[in-house]
């Protein structure tokens, strides 16, 4: 595979530091990426299914920001 020079330099550094062949490093990286992608897709599909079925009710964007602001403000006021 061919990578941009900066990425190739990072791969080369990891090969030197770990002593692992580049193929194994890339295989591990792709396995992690694919697993994370599958988990993200599952989470998004589950959320969409919950919305579609009515198990979860959507909230207005302004309301979401208001809740986030209130939660942030409460955290700031909480003693450390």
C-alpha atoms as a PDB file:
ATOM      1  CA  UNK A   1       0.000   0.000   0.000  1.00  0.00           C
ATOM      2  CA  UNK A   2       1.075   3.540  -0.597  1.00  0.00           C
ATOM      3  CA  UNK A   3       0.467   6.215   2.012  1.00  0.00           C
ATOM      4  CA  UNK A   4       1.087   9.925   2.280  1.00  0.00           C
ATOM      5  CA  UNK A   5       4.633  10.594   3.475  1.00  0.00           C
ATOM      6  CA  UNK A   6       3.568  11.804   6.928  1.00  0.00           C
ATOM      7  CA  UNK A   7       1.446   8.698   7.542  1.00  0.00           C
ATOM      8  CA  UNK A   8       4.190   6.432   6.215  1.00  0.00           C
ATOM      9  CA  UNK A   9       6.639   8.057   8.633  1.00  0.00           C
ATOM     10  CA  UNK A  10       4.283   7.298  11.537  1.00  0.00           C
ATOM     11  CA  UNK A  11       3.927   3.687  10.429  1.00  0.00           C
ATOM     12  CA  UNK A  12       7.695   3.349  10.066  1.00  0.00           C
ATOM     13  CA  UNK A  13       8.174   4.771  13.571  1.00  0.00           C
ATOM     14  CA  UNK A  14       5.691   2.271  15.040  1.00  0.00           C
ATOM     15  CA  UNK A  15       7.426  -0.571  13.216  1.00  0.00           C
ATOM     16  CA  UNK A  16      10.750   0.466  14.759  1.00  0.00           C
ATOM     17  CA  UNK A  17       9.283   1.031  18.238  1.00  0.00           C
ATOM     18  CA  UNK A  18       7.227  -2.143  18.409  1.00  0.00           C
ATOM     19  CA  UNK A  19       9.328  -4.480  16.308  1.00  0.00           C
ATOM     20  CA  UNK A  20       6.166  -5.658  14.575  1.00  0.00           C
ATOM     21  CA  UNK A  21       6.012  -5.976  10.801  1.00  0.00           C
ATOM     22  CA  UNK A  22       4.077  -3.247   8.961  1.00  0.00           C
ATOM     23  CA  UNK A  23       1.533  -5.784   7.695  1.00  0.00           C
ATOM     24  CA  UNK A  24       0.557  -6.772  11.251  1.00  0.00           C
ATOM     25  CA  UNK A  25       0.291  -3.153  12.399  1.00  0.00           C
ATOM     26  CA  UNK A  26      -1.962  -2.311   9.462  1.00  0.00           C
ATOM     27  CA  UNK A  27      -4.014  -5.470   9.936  1.00  0.00           C
ATOM     28  CA  UNK A  28      -4.581  -4.584  13.608  1.00  0.00           C
ATOM     29  CA  UNK A  29      -5.455  -0.997  12.693  1.00  0.00           C
ATOM     30  CA  UNK A  30      -7.985  -2.116  10.079  1.00  0.00           C
ATOM     31  CA  UNK A  31      -9.496  -4.705  12.435  1.00  0.00           C
ATOM     32  CA  UNK A  32      -9.996  -1.998  15.070  1.00  0.00           C
ATOM     33  CA  UNK A  33     -11.423   0.420  12.520  1.00  0.00           C
ATOM     34  CA  UNK A  34     -13.871  -2.137  11.113  1.00  0.00           C
ATOM     35  CA  UNK A  35     -15.015  -3.161  14.605  1.00  0.00           C
ATOM     36  CA  UNK A  36     -15.536   0.479  15.616  1.00  0.00           C
ATOM     37  CA  UNK A  37     -17.383   1.222  12.389  1.00  0.00           C
ATOM     38  CA  UNK A  38     -19.685  -1.769  12.910  1.00  0.00           C
ATOM     39  CA  UNK A  39     -20.394  -0.687  16.494  1.00  0.00           C
ATOM     40  CA  UNK A  40     -21.159   2.870  15.375  1.00  0.00           C
ATOM     41  CA  UNK A  41     -23.502   1.675  12.639  1.00  0.00           C
ATOM     42  CA  UNK A  42     -25.285  -0.605  15.110  1.00  0.00           C
ATOM     43  CA  UNK A  43     -25.707   2.262  17.586  1.00  0.00           C
ATOM     44  CA  UNK A  44     -27.057   4.610  14.902  1.00  0.00           C
ATOM     45  CA  UNK A  45     -29.428   1.996  13.498  1.00  0.00           C
ATOM     46  CA  UNK A  46     -30.686   1.175  16.985  1.00  0.00           C
ATOM     47  CA  UNK A  47     -31.340   4.850  17.692  1.00  0.00           C
ATOM     48  CA  UNK A  48     -33.124   5.271  14.385  1.00  0.00           C
ATOM     49  CA  UNK A  49     -35.228   2.179  15.095  1.00  0.00           C
ATOM     50  CA  UNK A  50     -36.139   3.595  18.519  1.00  0.00           C
ATOM     51  CA  UNK A  51     -37.242   6.881  16.925  1.00  0.00           C
ATOM     52  CA  UNK A  52     -39.136   5.131  14.147  1.00  0.00           C
ATOM     53  CA  UNK A  53     -40.990   2.850  16.574  1.00  0.00           C
ATOM     54  CA  UNK A  54     -41.869   5.689  18.941  1.00  0.00           C
ATOM     55  CA  UNK A  55     -39.912   4.231  21.887  1.00  0.00           C
ATOM     56  CA  UNK A  56     -37.907   7.467  21.911  1.00  0.00           C
ATOM     57  CA  UNK A  57     -39.328  10.900  21.227  1.00  0.00           C
ATOM     58  CA  UNK A  58     -37.207  13.451  19.383  1.00  0.00           C
ATOM     59  CA  UNK A  59     -36.579  16.806  21.021  1.00  0.00           C
ATOM     60  CA  UNK A  60     -36.217  20.192  19.424  1.00  0.00           C
ATOM     61  CA  UNK A  61     -32.655  21.375  18.798  1.00  0.00           C
ATOM     62  CA  UNK A  62     -33.160  24.504  20.909  1.00  0.00           C
ATOM     63  CA  UNK A  63     -34.451  22.401  23.775  1.00  0.00           C
ATOM     64  CA  UNK A  64     -31.426  20.111  23.504  1.00  0.00           C
ATOM     65  CA  UNK A  65     -29.047  23.080  23.684  1.00  0.00           C
ATOM     66  CA  UNK A  66     -30.976  24.544  26.621  1.00  0.00           C
ATOM     67  CA  UNK A  67     -30.671  21.242  28.500  1.00  0.00           C
ATOM     68  CA  UNK A  68     -26.964  21.064  27.724  1.00  0.00           C
ATOM     69  CA  UNK A  69     -26.411  24.647  28.882  1.00  0.00           C
ATOM     70  CA  UNK A  70     -28.308  23.998  32.123  1.00  0.00           C
ATOM     71  CA  UNK A  71     -26.351  20.806  32.779  1.00  0.00           C
ATOM     72  CA  UNK A  72     -23.048  22.565  32.088  1.00  0.00           C
ATOM     73  CA  UNK A  73     -23.963  25.450  34.373  1.00  0.00           C
ATOM     74  CA  UNK A  74     -24.961  23.052  37.158  1.00  0.00           C
ATOM     75  CA  UNK A  75     -21.623  21.244  36.818  1.00  0.00           C
ATOM     76  CA  UNK A  76     -19.735  24.534  37.014  1.00  0.00           C
ATOM     77  CA  UNK A  77     -21.543  25.506  40.223  1.00  0.00           C
ATOM     78  CA  UNK A  78     -20.984  22.128  41.858  1.00  0.00           C
ATOM     79  CA  UNK A  79     -18.223  22.191  44.489  1.00  0.00           C
ATOM     80  CA  UNK A  80     -15.058  20.379  43.461  1.00  0.00           C
END
